Structure formats: structure tokens, C-alpha cells
Amino acid sequence: MEIFWKILLVIFAVGLISVVLLQKGKSAGLSGAITGGAEHLFGKQKARGLDLFLQRLTVGLAAGFFILALVVAYVVKI
């Protein structure tokens, strides 16, 4: 049973890394750093389509990874 939880944790880790790498960057270099404050001040259009899906998938995978890490730590300790 311990091996099952560890394999599931590795799958979540690889999935989380993949989803994070698929997302667009919030700013692009120096121009993004300069205009980044203005976007926060005046508001920015919400992510649509694929960006929104990737954001939600990232949150889900991160939560799952955190919970699985706790489960694996508990199972290994027993």
C-alpha cells in the first residue's frame, strides 16, 4: 500500500510541474516589471479559456500533492 501512495505522489508531482510549465508568464522582462504595477492598479482582464483551466488544474494538483505528501508521511511513519 505504501508503494501505491508513493507512486501517486510522484504522478501528482510530475503533473504539477508540467501544468506550471505550460502556463504563460505574468510579465515579460523589464517591460512587464514596469507595467505590472499598472495592471494591478487599473485591473487586468481575467484569464479565459486555457489559462483559466490551467490555473484551476494547478490549484487542484497542488492541493492533492499537499494532501498526498501528508498521507505518505503518515503511512511511512507507521
N, C-alpha and C. Protein backbone atom coordinates (compact mmCIF):
# COMPACT_ATOMS: atom_id res chain seq x y z
N MET A 1 0.82 -1.19 0.00
CA MET A 1 0.00 0.00 0.00
C MET A 1 0.86 1.26 0.00
N GLU A 2 1.99 1.16 0.67
CA GLU A 2 2.91 2.31 0.75
C GLU A 2 3.43 2.68 -0.64
N ILE A 3 3.72 1.69 -1.45
CA ILE A 3 4.24 1.94 -2.80
C ILE A 3 3.17 2.64 -3.65
N PHE A 4 1.91 2.26 -3.49
CA PHE A 4 0.82 2.89 -4.23
C PHE A 4 0.76 4.39 -3.94
N TRP A 5 0.84 4.77 -2.66
CA TRP A 5 0.78 6.18 -2.29
C TRP A 5 1.98 6.95 -2.83
N LYS A 6 3.15 6.32 -2.80
CA LYS A 6 4.35 6.99 -3.31
C LYS A 6 4.28 7.21 -4.82
N ILE A 7 3.79 6.20 -5.54
CA ILE A 7 3.64 6.34 -6.99
C ILE A 7 2.62 7.43 -7.31
N LEU A 8 1.52 7.47 -6.57
CA LEU A 8 0.52 8.51 -6.77
C LEU A 8 1.09 9.90 -6.48
N LEU A 9 1.93 10.00 -5.47
CA LEU A 9 2.58 11.28 -5.14
C LEU A 9 3.51 11.73 -6.27
N VAL A 10 4.25 10.80 -6.84
CA VAL A 10 5.14 11.13 -7.96
C VAL A 10 4.33 11.57 -9.18
N ILE A 11 3.21 10.91 -9.43
CA ILE A 11 2.36 11.31 -10.56
C ILE A 11 1.83 12.72 -10.36
N PHE A 12 1.39 13.04 -9.13
CA PHE A 12 0.91 14.40 -8.86
C PHE A 12 2.04 15.41 -9.00
N ALA A 13 3.25 15.06 -8.55
CA ALA A 13 4.38 15.98 -8.66
C ALA A 13 4.72 16.27 -10.12
N VAL A 14 4.78 15.23 -10.94
CA VAL A 14 5.09 15.43 -12.36
C VAL A 14 3.97 16.22 -13.04
N GLY A 15 2.73 15.93 -12.69
CA GLY A 15 1.61 16.68 -13.26
C GLY A 15 1.64 18.13 -12.86
N LEU A 16 1.96 18.42 -11.61
CA LEU A 16 2.04 19.80 -11.14
C LEU A 16 3.15 20.56 -11.84
N ILE A 17 4.30 19.93 -11.98
CA ILE A 17 5.42 20.56 -12.69
C ILE A 17 5.04 20.85 -14.13
N SER A 18 4.40 19.90 -14.79
CA SER A 18 4.01 20.07 -16.19
C SER A 18 3.01 21.20 -16.36
N VAL A 19 2.01 21.26 -15.50
CA VAL A 19 0.99 22.30 -15.61
C VAL A 19 1.58 23.68 -15.35
N VAL A 20 2.47 23.79 -14.39
CA VAL A 20 3.10 25.09 -14.11
C VAL A 20 3.95 25.54 -15.29
N LEU A 21 4.65 24.61 -15.92
CA LEU A 21 5.48 24.99 -17.06
C LEU A 21 4.65 25.34 -18.30
N LEU A 22 3.43 24.84 -18.39
CA LEU A 22 2.57 25.16 -19.53
C LEU A 22 1.94 26.55 -19.44
N GLN A 23 1.92 27.14 -18.25
CA GLN A 23 1.28 28.44 -18.07
C GLN A 23 2.13 29.56 -18.63
N LYS A 24 1.45 30.62 -19.04
CA LYS A 24 2.16 31.81 -19.52
C LYS A 24 2.73 32.56 -18.34
N GLY A 25 3.82 33.29 -18.58
CA GLY A 25 4.39 34.12 -17.53
C GLY A 25 3.51 35.33 -17.27
N LYS A 26 3.54 35.84 -16.06
CA LYS A 26 2.73 37.01 -15.72
C LYS A 26 3.33 38.28 -16.31
N SER A 27 4.63 38.33 -16.46
CA SER A 27 5.26 39.52 -17.03
C SER A 27 6.38 39.08 -17.95
N ALA A 28 6.68 39.93 -18.90
CA ALA A 28 7.72 39.59 -19.87
C ALA A 28 8.88 40.58 -19.74
N GLY A 29 9.85 40.21 -18.95
CA GLY A 29 11.06 41.01 -18.84
C GLY A 29 10.84 42.34 -18.15
N LEU A 30 11.65 43.34 -18.54
CA LEU A 30 11.62 44.66 -17.91
C LEU A 30 10.32 45.39 -18.18
N SER A 31 9.78 45.25 -19.38
CA SER A 31 8.53 45.94 -19.69
C SER A 31 7.39 45.40 -18.82
N GLY A 32 7.40 44.13 -18.53
CA GLY A 32 6.39 43.55 -17.65
C GLY A 32 6.54 44.03 -16.22
N ALA A 33 7.78 44.24 -15.80
CA ALA A 33 8.01 44.73 -14.44
C ALA A 33 7.51 46.16 -14.30
N ILE A 34 7.65 46.97 -15.36
CA ILE A 34 7.22 48.36 -15.31
C ILE A 34 5.70 48.44 -15.36
N THR A 35 5.08 47.70 -16.25
CA THR A 35 3.62 47.78 -16.41
C THR A 35 2.88 46.88 -15.43
N GLY A 36 3.58 46.04 -14.72
CA GLY A 36 2.92 45.13 -13.79
C GLY A 36 2.16 45.87 -12.70
N GLY A 37 2.72 46.96 -12.20
CA GLY A 37 2.03 47.75 -11.18
C GLY A 37 0.78 48.39 -11.71
N ALA A 38 0.81 48.85 -12.97
CA ALA A 38 -0.37 49.47 -13.56
C ALA A 38 -1.49 48.46 -13.75
N GLU A 39 -1.14 47.22 -14.08
CA GLU A 39 -2.17 46.19 -14.24
C GLU A 39 -2.87 45.91 -12.92
N HIS A 40 -2.12 45.94 -11.83
CA HIS A 40 -2.74 45.69 -10.53
C HIS A 40 -3.58 46.89 -10.10
N LEU A 41 -3.16 48.09 -10.47
CA LEU A 41 -3.88 49.29 -10.08
C LEU A 41 -5.17 49.46 -10.86
N PHE A 42 -5.11 49.29 -12.15
CA PHE A 42 -6.27 49.52 -13.00
C PHE A 42 -7.05 48.25 -13.33
N GLY A 43 -6.57 47.14 -12.90
CA GLY A 43 -7.25 45.88 -13.16
C GLY A 43 -6.78 45.25 -14.46
N LYS A 44 -6.90 43.98 -14.52
CA LYS A 44 -6.46 43.23 -15.70
C LYS A 44 -7.59 42.27 -16.07
N GLN A 45 -7.72 42.00 -17.35
CA GLN A 45 -8.75 41.07 -17.77
C GLN A 45 -8.48 39.70 -17.16
N LYS A 46 -9.54 39.06 -16.77
CA LYS A 46 -9.39 37.74 -16.17
C LYS A 46 -8.96 36.74 -17.23
N ALA A 47 -8.29 35.72 -16.75
CA ALA A 47 -7.83 34.67 -17.66
C ALA A 47 -9.02 33.95 -18.27
N ARG A 48 -8.90 33.60 -19.51
CA ARG A 48 -10.00 32.94 -20.21
C ARG A 48 -9.51 31.64 -20.82
N GLY A 49 -10.42 30.75 -21.04
CA GLY A 49 -10.13 29.53 -21.77
C GLY A 49 -9.08 28.66 -21.12
N LEU A 50 -8.03 28.43 -21.88
CA LEU A 50 -6.97 27.53 -21.44
C LEU A 50 -6.25 28.04 -20.20
N ASP A 51 -6.04 29.35 -20.12
CA ASP A 51 -5.36 29.91 -18.94
C ASP A 51 -6.15 29.65 -17.67
N LEU A 52 -7.45 29.84 -17.74
CA LEU A 52 -8.30 29.60 -16.57
C LEU A 52 -8.29 28.12 -16.19
N PHE A 53 -8.36 27.26 -17.19
CA PHE A 53 -8.31 25.82 -16.93
C PHE A 53 -6.99 25.42 -16.28
N LEU A 54 -5.88 25.95 -16.79
CA LEU A 54 -4.57 25.62 -16.23
C LEU A 54 -4.43 26.14 -14.80
N GLN A 55 -4.98 27.32 -14.52
CA GLN A 55 -4.92 27.85 -13.16
C GLN A 55 -5.69 26.96 -12.19
N ARG A 56 -6.88 26.55 -12.59
CA ARG A 56 -7.69 25.69 -11.72
C ARG A 56 -7.06 24.31 -11.56
N LEU A 57 -6.49 23.79 -12.63
CA LEU A 57 -5.81 22.50 -12.55
C LEU A 57 -4.59 22.57 -11.64
N THR A 58 -3.88 23.68 -11.69
CA THR A 58 -2.72 23.88 -10.82
C THR A 58 -3.14 23.88 -9.36
N VAL A 59 -4.21 24.57 -9.04
CA VAL A 59 -4.70 24.62 -7.66
C VAL A 59 -5.10 23.22 -7.20
N GLY A 60 -5.81 22.50 -8.05
CA GLY A 60 -6.23 21.14 -7.70
C GLY A 60 -5.06 20.20 -7.50
N LEU A 61 -4.09 20.26 -8.40
CA LEU A 61 -2.92 19.38 -8.27
C LEU A 61 -2.08 19.75 -7.06
N ALA A 62 -1.97 21.05 -6.77
CA ALA A 62 -1.19 21.48 -5.61
C ALA A 62 -1.85 21.00 -4.32
N ALA A 63 -3.17 21.13 -4.24
CA ALA A 63 -3.88 20.65 -3.04
C ALA A 63 -3.74 19.14 -2.91
N GLY A 64 -3.89 18.43 -4.02
CA GLY A 64 -3.73 16.98 -3.99
C GLY A 64 -2.33 16.56 -3.60
N PHE A 65 -1.34 17.27 -4.11
CA PHE A 65 0.05 16.97 -3.77
C PHE A 65 0.30 17.17 -2.28
N PHE A 66 -0.22 18.27 -1.74
CA PHE A 66 -0.03 18.55 -0.32
C PHE A 66 -0.67 17.47 0.55
N ILE A 67 -1.90 17.10 0.21
CA ILE A 67 -2.60 16.07 0.98
C ILE A 67 -1.89 14.72 0.85
N LEU A 68 -1.47 14.38 -0.37
CA LEU A 68 -0.76 13.11 -0.56
C LEU A 68 0.58 13.09 0.18
N ALA A 69 1.26 14.22 0.24
CA ALA A 69 2.52 14.28 0.99
C ALA A 69 2.29 13.98 2.45
N LEU A 70 1.20 14.52 2.99
CA LEU A 70 0.88 14.23 4.40
C LEU A 70 0.51 12.76 4.59
N VAL A 71 -0.25 12.21 3.65
CA VAL A 71 -0.65 10.79 3.74
C VAL A 71 0.58 9.88 3.65
N VAL A 72 1.46 10.17 2.71
CA VAL A 72 2.67 9.34 2.57
C VAL A 72 3.54 9.45 3.82
N ALA A 73 3.67 10.63 4.37
CA ALA A 73 4.46 10.79 5.60
C ALA A 73 3.85 9.98 6.75
N TYR A 74 2.54 9.97 6.82
CA TYR A 74 1.86 9.22 7.88
C TYR A 74 2.02 7.72 7.68
N VAL A 75 1.86 7.27 6.41
CA VAL A 75 1.95 5.83 6.11
C VAL A 75 3.37 5.32 6.34
N VAL A 76 4.36 6.09 5.96
CA VAL A 76 5.75 5.66 6.13
C VAL A 76 6.12 5.60 7.61
N LYS A 77 5.56 6.52 8.39
CA LYS A 77 5.89 6.58 9.80
C LYS A 77 5.30 5.38 10.57
N ILE A 78 4.19 4.84 10.09
CA ILE A 78 3.55 3.71 10.79
C ILE A 78 4.37 2.47 10.73
